[in-house]
PDB file of N, CA and C in Angstrom:
ATOM      1  N   MET A   1     -16.299  75.541 103.810  1.00  0.00           N
ATOM      2  CA  MET A   1     -15.594  77.114 104.232  1.00  0.00           C
ATOM      3  C   MET A   1     -17.096  77.826 103.793  1.00  0.00           C
ATOM      4  N   GLU A   2     -17.687  78.446 104.820  1.00  0.00           N
ATOM      5  CA  GLU A   2     -18.623  79.757 105.238  1.00  0.00           C
ATOM      6  C   GLU A   2     -18.911  80.611 104.799  1.00  0.00           C
ATOM      7  N   SER A   3     -19.658  81.068 103.842  1.00  0.00           N
ATOM      8  CA  SER A   3     -19.674  82.613 103.566  1.00  0.00           C
ATOM      9  C   SER A   3     -20.834  83.430 104.637  1.00  0.00           C
ATOM     10  N   TYR A   4     -20.259  84.470 104.799  1.00  0.00           N
ATOM     11  CA  TYR A   4     -20.991  85.626 105.782  1.00  0.00           C
ATOM     12  C   TYR A   4     -20.672  86.821 105.164  1.00  0.00           C
ATOM     13  N   THR A   5     -22.524  87.454 105.603  1.00  0.00           N
ATOM     14  CA  THR A   5     -22.504  88.887 105.221  1.00  0.00           C
ATOM     15  C   THR A   5     -22.979  89.660 106.245  1.00  0.00           C
ATOM     16  N   TYR A   6     -22.554  91.002 106.466  1.00  0.00           N
ATOM     17  CA  TYR A   6     -23.294  91.549 107.839  1.00  0.00           C
ATOM     18  C   TYR A   6     -23.354  92.730 107.296  1.00  0.00           C
ATOM     19  N   ALA A   7     -24.616  93.351 107.530  1.00  0.00           N
ATOM     20  CA  ALA A   7     -24.330  94.995 107.622  1.00  0.00           C
ATOM     21  C   ALA A   7     -24.285  95.721 108.818  1.00  0.00           C
ATOM     22  N   PRO A   8     -23.324  95.922 108.628  1.00  0.00           N
ATOM     23  CA  PRO A   8     -22.576  97.232 109.947  1.00  0.00           C
ATOM     24  C   PRO A   8     -23.886  98.431 109.958  1.00  0.00           C
ATOM     25  N   ARG A   9     -23.646  99.317 111.563  1.00  0.00           N
ATOM     26  CA  ARG A   9     -24.273 100.310 111.569  1.00  0.00           C
ATOM     27  C   ARG A   9     -23.682 101.342 112.002  1.00  0.00           C
ATOM     28  N   GLY A  10     -23.596 102.352 112.004  1.00  0.00           N
ATOM     29  CA  GLY A  10     -23.053 103.676 112.688  1.00  0.00           C
ATOM     30  C   GLY A  10     -21.791 103.849 111.819  1.00  0.00           C
ATOM     31  N   VAL A  11     -21.514 103.145 110.958  1.00  0.00           N
ATOM     32  CA  VAL A  11     -19.938 103.681 109.920  1.00  0.00           C
ATOM     33  C   VAL A  11     -20.028 103.803 108.976  1.00  0.00           C
ATOM     34  N   CYS A  12     -19.137 104.140 108.096  1.00  0.00           N
ATOM     35  CA  CYS A  12     -19.175 104.404 106.939  1.00  0.00           C
ATOM     36  C   CYS A  12     -19.583 103.356 105.729  1.00  0.00           C
ATOM     37  N   ALA A  13     -18.584 101.973 106.185  1.00  0.00           N
ATOM     38  CA  ALA A  13     -19.270 101.038 105.591  1.00  0.00           C
ATOM     39  C   ALA A  13     -20.426 100.158 105.463  1.00  0.00           C
ATOM     40  N   ARG A  14     -20.713  99.734 104.284  1.00  0.00           N
ATOM     41  CA  ARG A  14     -22.199  99.471 104.124  1.00  0.00           C
ATOM     42  C   ARG A  14     -22.295  97.835 104.569  1.00  0.00           C
ATOM     43  N   LYS A  15     -21.626  97.453 103.709  1.00  0.00           N
ATOM     44  CA  LYS A  15     -21.396  95.923 104.090  1.00  0.00           C
ATOM     45  C   LYS A  15     -20.243  95.261 104.161  1.00  0.00           C
ATOM     46  N   ILE A  16     -20.246  94.274 105.229  1.00  0.00           N
ATOM     47  CA  ILE A  16     -19.157  93.473 105.622  1.00  0.00           C
ATOM     48  C   ILE A  16     -19.269  91.537 105.040  1.00  0.00           C
ATOM     49  N   GLU A  17     -17.875  91.457 104.829  1.00  0.00           N
ATOM     50  CA  GLU A  17     -18.672  90.120 103.980  1.00  0.00           C
ATOM     51  C   GLU A  17     -16.667  89.250 103.936  1.00  0.00           C
ATOM     52  N   PHE A  18     -17.184  88.318 104.386  1.00  0.00           N
ATOM     53  CA  PHE A  18     -15.748  87.381 105.091  1.00  0.00           C
ATOM     54  C   PHE A  18     -16.150  85.685 105.112  1.00  0.00           C
ATOM     55  N   ASP A  19     -15.315  84.889 105.042  1.00  0.00           N
ATOM     56  CA  ASP A  19     -15.573  83.416 104.956  1.00  0.00           C
ATOM     57  C   ASP A  19     -14.749  82.621 105.842  1.00  0.00           C
ATOM     58  N   LEU A  20     -15.515  81.936 106.787  1.00  0.00           N
ATOM     59  CA  LEU A  20     -14.255  80.857 108.103  1.00  0.00           C
ATOM     60  C   LEU A  20     -14.616  79.932 107.385  1.00  0.00           C
ATOM     61  N   GLU A  21     -13.699  79.464 108.115  1.00  0.00           N
ATOM     62  CA  GLU A  21     -13.476  77.789 107.924  1.00  0.00           C
ATOM     63  C   GLU A  21     -12.724  77.569 109.310  1.00  0.00           C
ATOM     64  N   GLU A  22     -13.055  76.393 109.899  1.00  0.00           N
ATOM     65  CA  GLU A  22     -12.420  75.548 110.889  1.00  0.00           C
ATOM     66  C   GLU A  22     -12.255  77.484 112.021  1.00  0.00           C
ATOM     67  N   GLY A  23     -12.648  78.255 112.100  1.00  0.00           N
ATOM     68  CA  GLY A  23     -12.613  79.045 112.968  1.00  0.00           C
ATOM     69  C   GLY A  23     -11.389  80.173 112.581  1.00  0.00           C
ATOM     70  N   LYS A  24     -11.185  80.260 111.175  1.00  0.00           N
ATOM     71  CA  LYS A  24     -10.215  80.929 110.755  1.00  0.00           C
ATOM     72  C   LYS A  24     -10.710  81.607 109.718  1.00  0.00           C
ATOM     73  N   LEU A  25      -9.952  83.525 109.857  1.00  0.00           N
ATOM     74  CA  LEU A  25     -10.574  84.077 108.936  1.00  0.00           C
ATOM     75  C   LEU A  25     -10.534  84.442 107.534  1.00  0.00           C
ATOM     76  N   TYR A  26     -11.005  84.322 106.540  1.00  0.00           N
ATOM     77  CA  TYR A  26     -11.168  84.385 104.667  1.00  0.00           C
ATOM     78  C   TYR A  26     -11.580  85.361 104.025  1.00  0.00           C
ATOM     79  N   ASN A  27     -10.554  85.729 103.176  1.00  0.00           N
ATOM     80  CA  ASN A  27     -11.659  86.955 101.989  1.00  0.00           C
ATOM     81  C   ASN A  27     -12.093  88.152 102.790  1.00  0.00           C
ATOM     82  N   LEU A  28     -12.096  88.779 103.587  1.00  0.00           N
ATOM     83  CA  LEU A  28     -12.981  89.313 103.982  1.00  0.00           C
ATOM     84  C   LEU A  28     -12.740  90.835 103.026  1.00  0.00           C
ATOM     85  N   ARG A  29     -13.393  91.290 102.678  1.00  0.00           N
ATOM     86  CA  ARG A  29     -14.220  92.288 101.950  1.00  0.00           C
ATOM     87  C   ARG A  29     -15.203  93.158 103.000  1.00  0.00           C
ATOM     88  N   PHE A  30     -14.800  94.943 102.333  1.00  0.00           N
ATOM     89  CA  PHE A  30     -15.334  95.951 102.646  1.00  0.00           C
ATOM     90  C   PHE A  30     -16.532  96.751 101.405  1.00  0.00           C
ATOM     91  N   THR A  31     -17.512  96.930 102.065  1.00  0.00           N
ATOM     92  CA  THR A  31     -18.095  98.105 100.952  1.00  0.00           C
ATOM     93  C   THR A  31     -18.064  99.534 101.009  1.00  0.00           C
ATOM     94  N   GLY A  32     -17.570 100.138 100.976  1.00  0.00           N
ATOM     95  CA  GLY A  32     -17.474 101.384 101.463  1.00  0.00           C
ATOM     96  C   GLY A  32     -16.692 101.824 102.315  1.00  0.00           C
ATOM     97  N   GLY A  33     -16.425 102.836 103.134  1.00  0.00           N
ATOM     98  CA  GLY A  33     -15.817 103.068 104.273  1.00  0.00           C
ATOM     99  C   GLY A  33     -14.230 103.140 103.812  1.00  0.00           C
ATOM    100  N   CYS A  34     -13.248 103.551 104.606  1.00  0.00           N
ATOM    101  CA  CYS A  34     -11.718 103.665 104.141  1.00  0.00           C
ATOM    102  C   CYS A  34     -11.235 103.076 103.252  1.00  0.00           C
ATOM    103  N   ASN A  35     -11.191 102.916 102.262  1.00  0.00           N
ATOM    104  CA  ASN A  35     -10.555 101.613 101.229  1.00  0.00           C
ATOM    105  C   ASN A  35      -9.570 101.303 101.643  1.00  0.00           C
ATOM    106  N   GLY A  36      -8.189 102.258 101.505  1.00  0.00           N
ATOM    107  CA  GLY A  36      -7.030 101.752 102.483  1.00  0.00           C
ATOM    108  C   GLY A  36      -7.135 101.143 103.663  1.00  0.00           C
ATOM    109  N   ASN A  37      -7.733 101.524 104.419  1.00  0.00           N
ATOM    110  CA  ASN A  37      -7.376 100.955 105.606  1.00  0.00           C
ATOM    111  C   ASN A  37      -8.560  99.799 106.231  1.00  0.00           C
ATOM    112  N   LEU A  38      -8.922  99.499 105.452  1.00  0.00           N
ATOM    113  CA  LEU A  38      -9.844  98.112 105.260  1.00  0.00           C
ATOM    114  C   LEU A  38      -9.676  97.288 104.315  1.00  0.00           C
ATOM    115  N   LYS A  39      -9.111  97.648 103.386  1.00  0.00           N
ATOM    116  CA  LYS A  39      -7.826  96.319 102.865  1.00  0.00           C
ATOM    117  C   LYS A  39      -6.805  96.326 103.811  1.00  0.00           C
ATOM    118  N   ALA A  40      -6.334  97.055 104.315  1.00  0.00           N
ATOM    119  CA  ALA A  40      -5.015  96.662 105.044  1.00  0.00           C
ATOM    120  C   ALA A  40      -5.281  95.303 106.123  1.00  0.00           C
ATOM    121  N   ILE A  41      -6.623  95.853 107.233  1.00  0.00           N
ATOM    122  CA  ILE A  41      -7.110  94.840 108.141  1.00  0.00           C
ATOM    123  C   ILE A  41      -7.710  93.993 107.224  1.00  0.00           C
ATOM    124  N   GLY A  42      -7.629  93.445 106.374  1.00  0.00           N
ATOM    125  CA  GLY A  42      -8.566  92.457 105.505  1.00  0.00           C
ATOM    126  C   GLY A  42      -7.172  91.273 105.462  1.00  0.00           C
ATOM    127  N   LYS A  43      -5.895  92.029 104.870  1.00  0.00           N
ATOM    128  CA  LYS A  43      -4.569  91.384 104.898  1.00  0.00           C
ATOM    129  C   LYS A  43      -4.015  91.402 106.240  1.00  0.00           C
ATOM    130  N   LEU A  44      -4.567  91.959 106.885  1.00  0.00           N
ATOM    131  CA  LEU A  44      -3.725  91.520 108.160  1.00  0.00           C
ATOM    132  C   LEU A  44      -4.611  90.338 108.835  1.00  0.00           C
ATOM    133  N   LEU A  45      -5.829  90.441 108.904  1.00  0.00           N
ATOM    134  CA  LEU A  45      -6.246  89.381 109.622  1.00  0.00           C
ATOM    135  C   LEU A  45      -6.282  88.049 108.773  1.00  0.00           C
ATOM    136  N   GLU A  46      -5.798  87.825 107.320  1.00  0.00           N
ATOM    137  CA  GLU A  46      -6.159  86.849 106.335  1.00  0.00           C
ATOM    138  C   GLU A  46      -5.567  85.453 107.576  1.00  0.00           C
ATOM    139  N   GLY A  47      -6.324  84.494 107.336  1.00  0.00           N
ATOM    140  CA  GLY A  47      -5.718  83.386 107.645  1.00  0.00           C
ATOM    141  C   GLY A  47      -5.984  83.283 109.274  1.00  0.00           C
ATOM    142  N   GLN A  48      -6.257  84.102 110.437  1.00  0.00           N
ATOM    143  CA  GLN A  48      -6.105  84.321 111.782  1.00  0.00           C
ATOM    144  C   GLN A  48      -6.816  83.785 112.316  1.00  0.00           C
ATOM    145  N   ASP A  49      -7.368  83.746 113.742  1.00  0.00           N
ATOM    146  CA  ASP A  49      -8.586  83.287 114.774  1.00  0.00           C
ATOM    147  C   ASP A  49      -9.190  84.129 114.459  1.00  0.00           C
ATOM    148  N   ALA A  50     -10.692  83.831 113.923  1.00  0.00           N
ATOM    149  CA  ALA A  50     -11.454  85.169 114.311  1.00  0.00           C
ATOM    150  C   ALA A  50     -12.016  85.839 115.277  1.00  0.00           C
ATOM    151  N   ALA A  51     -11.882  84.510 116.389  1.00  0.00           N
ATOM    152  CA  ALA A  51     -12.341  84.693 117.785  1.00  0.00           C
ATOM    153  C   ALA A  51     -11.472  85.648 118.507  1.00  0.00           C
ATOM    154  N   ASN A  52     -10.140  85.732 117.952  1.00  0.00           N
ATOM    155  CA  ASN A  52      -9.030  86.133 118.468  1.00  0.00           C
ATOM    156  C   ASN A  52      -9.197  88.149 118.154  1.00  0.00           C
ATOM    157  N   ALA A  53      -9.770  87.946 116.476  1.00  0.00           N
ATOM    158  CA  ALA A  53      -9.338  89.084 116.299  1.00  0.00           C
ATOM    159  C   ALA A  53     -10.524  89.814 116.191  1.00  0.00           C
ATOM    160  N   ALA A  54     -11.958  88.981 116.982  1.00  0.00           N
ATOM    161  CA  ALA A  54     -13.309  89.920 117.277  1.00  0.00           C
ATOM    162  C   ALA A  54     -12.348  90.458 118.764  1.00  0.00           C
ATOM    163  N   ALA A  55     -11.722  89.693 119.311  1.00  0.00           N
ATOM    164  CA  ALA A  55     -11.228  90.337 120.560  1.00  0.00           C
ATOM    165  C   ALA A  55     -10.010  91.734 120.880  1.00  0.00           C
ATOM    166  N   ILE A  56      -9.735  91.507 119.716  1.00  0.00           N
ATOM    167  CA  ILE A  56      -8.803  93.021 119.159  1.00  0.00           C
ATOM    168  C   ILE A  56      -9.729  93.901 118.923  1.00  0.00           C
ATOM    169  N   LEU A  57     -10.148  93.774 117.912  1.00  0.00           N
ATOM    170  CA  LEU A  57     -10.720  94.759 117.317  1.00  0.00           C
ATOM    171  C   LEU A  57     -11.825  95.083 118.266  1.00  0.00           C
ATOM    172  N   ARG A  58     -13.055  94.872 118.992  1.00  0.00           N
ATOM    173  CA  ARG A  58     -14.040  94.848 119.803  1.00  0.00           C
ATOM    174  C   ARG A  58     -13.731  95.952 120.354  1.00  0.00           C
ATOM    175  N   GLY A  59     -14.498  97.380 120.449  1.00  0.00           N
ATOM    176  CA  GLY A  59     -14.732  98.702 121.034  1.00  0.00           C
ATOM    177  C   GLY A  59     -13.738  99.796 120.370  1.00  0.00           C
ATOM    178  N   ASN A  60     -13.355  99.015 119.539  1.00  0.00           N
ATOM    179  CA  ASN A  60     -12.461 100.226 118.704  1.00  0.00           C
ATOM    180  C   ASN A  60     -13.313 101.428 118.381  1.00  0.00           C
ATOM    181  N   ASP A  61     -13.166 103.027 118.629  1.00  0.00           N
ATOM    182  CA  ASP A  61     -14.109 103.382 118.000  1.00  0.00           C
ATOM    183  C   ASP A  61     -13.396 104.858 117.140  1.00  0.00           C
ATOM    184  N   CYS A  62     -14.145 105.033 115.806  1.00  0.00           N
ATOM    185  CA  CYS A  62     -13.826 105.840 115.350  1.00  0.00           C
ATOM    186  C   CYS A  62     -14.936 107.153 115.151  1.00  0.00           C
ATOM    187  N   GLY A  63     -13.737 108.825 115.422  1.00  0.00           N
ATOM    188  CA  GLY A  63     -14.949 109.639 115.847  1.00  0.00           C
ATOM    189  C   GLY A  63     -15.591 110.130 116.833  1.00  0.00           C
ATOM    190  N   GLY A  64     -15.770 109.114 118.069  1.00  0.00           N
ATOM    191  CA  GLY A  64     -16.686 109.412 118.588  1.00  0.00           C
ATOM    192  C   GLY A  64     -17.940 108.863 118.188  1.00  0.00           C
ATOM    193  N   ARG A  65     -17.434 107.888 117.538  1.00  0.00           N
ATOM    194  CA  ARG A  65     -19.031 107.387 117.141  1.00  0.00           C
ATOM    195  C   ARG A  65     -19.768 105.991 118.077  1.00  0.00           C
ATOM    196  N   GLY A  66     -19.080 106.039 118.900  1.00  0.00           N
ATOM    197  CA  GLY A  66     -18.858 104.207 119.778  1.00  0.00           C
ATOM    198  C   GLY A  66     -18.813 103.231 118.954  1.00  0.00           C
ATOM    199  N   THR A  67     -18.587 103.471 118.167  1.00  0.00           N
ATOM    200  CA  THR A  67     -18.572 102.048 116.879  1.00  0.00           C
ATOM    201  C   THR A  67     -17.103 102.574 115.722  1.00  0.00           C
ATOM    202  N   SER A  68     -16.707 101.755 115.066  1.00  0.00           N
ATOM    203  CA  SER A  68     -15.950 102.008 113.559  1.00  0.00           C
ATOM    204  C   SER A  68     -16.318 100.440 113.214  1.00  0.00           C
ATOM    205  N   CYS A  69     -15.554 100.552 111.567  1.00  0.00           N
ATOM    206  CA  CYS A  69     -15.688  99.502 110.604  1.00  0.00           C
ATOM    207  C   CYS A  69     -15.248  98.328 111.548  1.00  0.00           C
ATOM    208  N   ALA A  70     -14.111  98.474 112.273  1.00  0.00           N
ATOM    209  CA  ALA A  70     -13.079  97.012 113.010  1.00  0.00           C
ATOM    210  C   ALA A  70     -14.222  97.056 113.812  1.00  0.00           C
ATOM    211  N   ASP A  71     -14.700  97.655 114.906  1.00  0.00           N
ATOM    212  CA  ASP A  71     -15.700  97.166 115.639  1.00  0.00           C
ATOM    213  C   ASP A  71     -17.078  96.506 115.470  1.00  0.00           C
ATOM    214  N   GLN A  72     -17.434  97.087 114.193  1.00  0.00           N
ATOM    215  CA  GLN A  72     -19.013  95.953 113.904  1.00  0.00           C
ATOM    216  C   GLN A  72     -17.806  94.966 112.676  1.00  0.00           C
ATOM    217  N   LEU A  73     -16.744  94.949 112.760  1.00  0.00           N
ATOM    218  CA  LEU A  73     -16.530  93.344 111.881  1.00  0.00           C
ATOM    219  C   LEU A  73     -16.242  92.592 113.439  1.00  0.00           C
ATOM    220  N   ALA A  74     -15.633  93.128 114.570  1.00  0.00           N
ATOM    221  CA  ALA A  74     -15.928  92.414 115.713  1.00  0.00           C
ATOM    222  C   ALA A  74     -17.274  91.698 116.394  1.00  0.00           C
ATOM    223  N   GLN A  75     -18.713  92.921 116.079  1.00  0.00           N
ATOM    224  CA  GLN A  75     -19.481  92.309 116.227  1.00  0.00           C
ATOM    225  C   GLN A  75     -20.174  91.074 115.416  1.00  0.00           C
ATOM    226  N   ALA A  76     -19.830  91.358 113.863  1.00  0.00           N
ATOM    227  CA  ALA A  76     -19.985  90.258 112.793  1.00  0.00           C
ATOM    228  C   ALA A  76     -19.467  88.779 112.862  1.00  0.00           C
ATOM    229  N   LEU A  77     -18.320  88.975 113.277  1.00  0.00           N
ATOM    230  CA  LEU A  77     -17.480  87.530 113.549  1.00  0.00           C
ATOM    231  C   LEU A  77     -17.814  86.586 114.791  1.00  0.00           C
ATOM    232  N   THR A  78     -18.247  87.369 115.728  1.00  0.00           N
ATOM    233  CA  THR A  78     -19.227  87.402 117.174  1.00  0.00           C
ATOM    234  C   THR A  78     -20.400  86.632 116.851  1.00  0.00           C
ATOM    235  N   GLN A  79     -21.001  87.249 115.716  1.00  0.00           N
ATOM    236  CA  GLN A  79     -22.310  86.389 115.533  1.00  0.00           C
ATOM    237  C   GLN A  79     -22.064  85.857 114.083  1.00  0.00           C
ATOM    238  N   ALA A  80     -21.174  85.232 113.731  1.00  0.00           N
ATOM    239  CA  ALA A  80     -21.069  83.810 112.913  1.00  0.00           C
ATOM    240  C   ALA A  80     -20.472  83.405 113.269  1.00  0.00           C
ATOM    241  N   LEU A  81     -19.883  83.242 114.413  1.00  0.00           N
ATOM    242  CA  LEU A  81     -19.232  82.549 115.124  1.00  0.00           C
ATOM    243  C   LEU A  81     -20.436  81.525 116.050  1.00  0.00           C
ATOM    244  N   SER A  82     -21.285  82.209 116.776  1.00  0.00           N
ATOM    245  CA  SER A  82     -22.513  81.554 117.640  1.00  0.00           C
ATOM    246  C   SER A  82     -23.775  80.783 117.008  1.00  0.00           C
ATOM    247  N   ARG A  83     -23.317  80.751 115.164  1.00  0.00           N
ATOM    248  CA  ARG A  83     -24.619  80.432 114.792  1.00  0.00           C
ATOM    249  C   ARG A  83     -24.008  78.563 114.595  1.00  0.00           C
TER     250      ARG A  83
END
């Protein structure tokens, strides 16, 4: 299992951490942001295919910012999967 840390931009969350194993997402944690919603995202995505999760979340907007914590997670996953 590989651990990843991502510094999101343009959102309330300050850090995104997660583990990947065989393309599956585990132990998703956000620092900052909307605590309850971000914990729910982590629960929903536990053990899911990371590439599929990124495709679903990519482009999600929060308050007209052009991004969101979910969109930043999609970017983090895409980056991690391309390594």
